[in-house]
Amino acid sequence: MQSNEKYNAVPLTHVGRYLGQAAIPLGPDAILLDGNAKVNFSGAPFRPRFLVVCLCTQGEGVFSIDEKEIRLCKDDMYICVGDPLTKPLSLTPDFRFMGALTTPQCLRDNVVGLHHLWPFLHKLYLRPVIHLTPVERAMLQETFTFIFQHMRHIASSYATDYQNALIRLIYFDICSVAQTHFQENSPFPGTGNRLFDRFVKLVEDQSRVERQVTWYADQIGVSPKHLSEMVKQVSGRTASEWIRSFAVASIKSMLIGTDMSAKEIATAMNFSSQSMFCKFFSNATGYSPSAFRHMLYEQNRRREP
């Protein structure tokens, strides 16, 4: 019997155990994938809870993504938002890819937000692999090469702003590719897309104090079942997953940017108790609030000259 731990969502900081030396930290919320390094997958299934962008530069890899077989060949780009169960099935010896992993919360809170990708979420869920044209491939390769050349030379005091600028560059590259290949502004027009947009905006405003799907359904004027079905259909993620992601982003922001205690954050987030708050955060991230704060402190300390 396999351990359930293998199927837990993987925090960004633990990606190295699955990707080996190909994973290079850019900051606490972003990791680059070195296209020149051999990928050493552990072979265990895992759930990457972040935005994944990978460009296969040579060889071939076959993966099981939520029990669907996904094949990556040269010039294929894989884009994923969410936390699908992922397992490598077979890799050719020369399989290489470059790319980036970043938390959706980082895009929402620190860069530009995920709304540029919202129109494509449903089609990306159904078709996560895009075969790039030579021009698109060159554009992506130039972007990643530029980042690799510059990332090691930035002063630690500018690290966060630099990270955000580089993520913005990657983000708009993939948005441009998605728009070109899907050839429409809204892949799921009509009621479903409008409902999803209202839901996400509500969650963004209220997730600090409201985390029940029922409450959001009442505000929109639909049943919880209908809301959950439409959100899942449009975005590939459940309503509960969206609410959790936004709530965790707010908690991380307070842990990183303030000196608030766990008790104070629990109160600000409208949890009934500190223990319930700590359980929620630990289940979502794999860290207790204090451990997460300490991890970031150690990362910042090591970057200091």
Foldseek 3Di string as FASTA:
>chain_A
DDDCVLEAAAFPVPCCQAFPPQWADLANFKTKGNQVDFGDGPQGKYWHQWWWKKAKQAWKWWKQWLNDIDIHHHQKIFIDHGTTTIGTDDTDRNTGIITMTGHQLCCCPPAPHCPLCLLPQLVCLVPRIDRDDPVLVVQLVVLRVVCVVPSVPDALVCSSVVVRVSVNSNVVSVSVVSCVVVVDRHPDDDDLSVLLVQLLVCLLVPLLADQDLQVSCVVSVHGSVVSQVSNCNRRVDGSNRSSLSNNLSVLVCCLAPHPDDLQRSCVRSNHPGSVVSQVSNCSVRVDGSVRVSVVNVVVSVVSHD
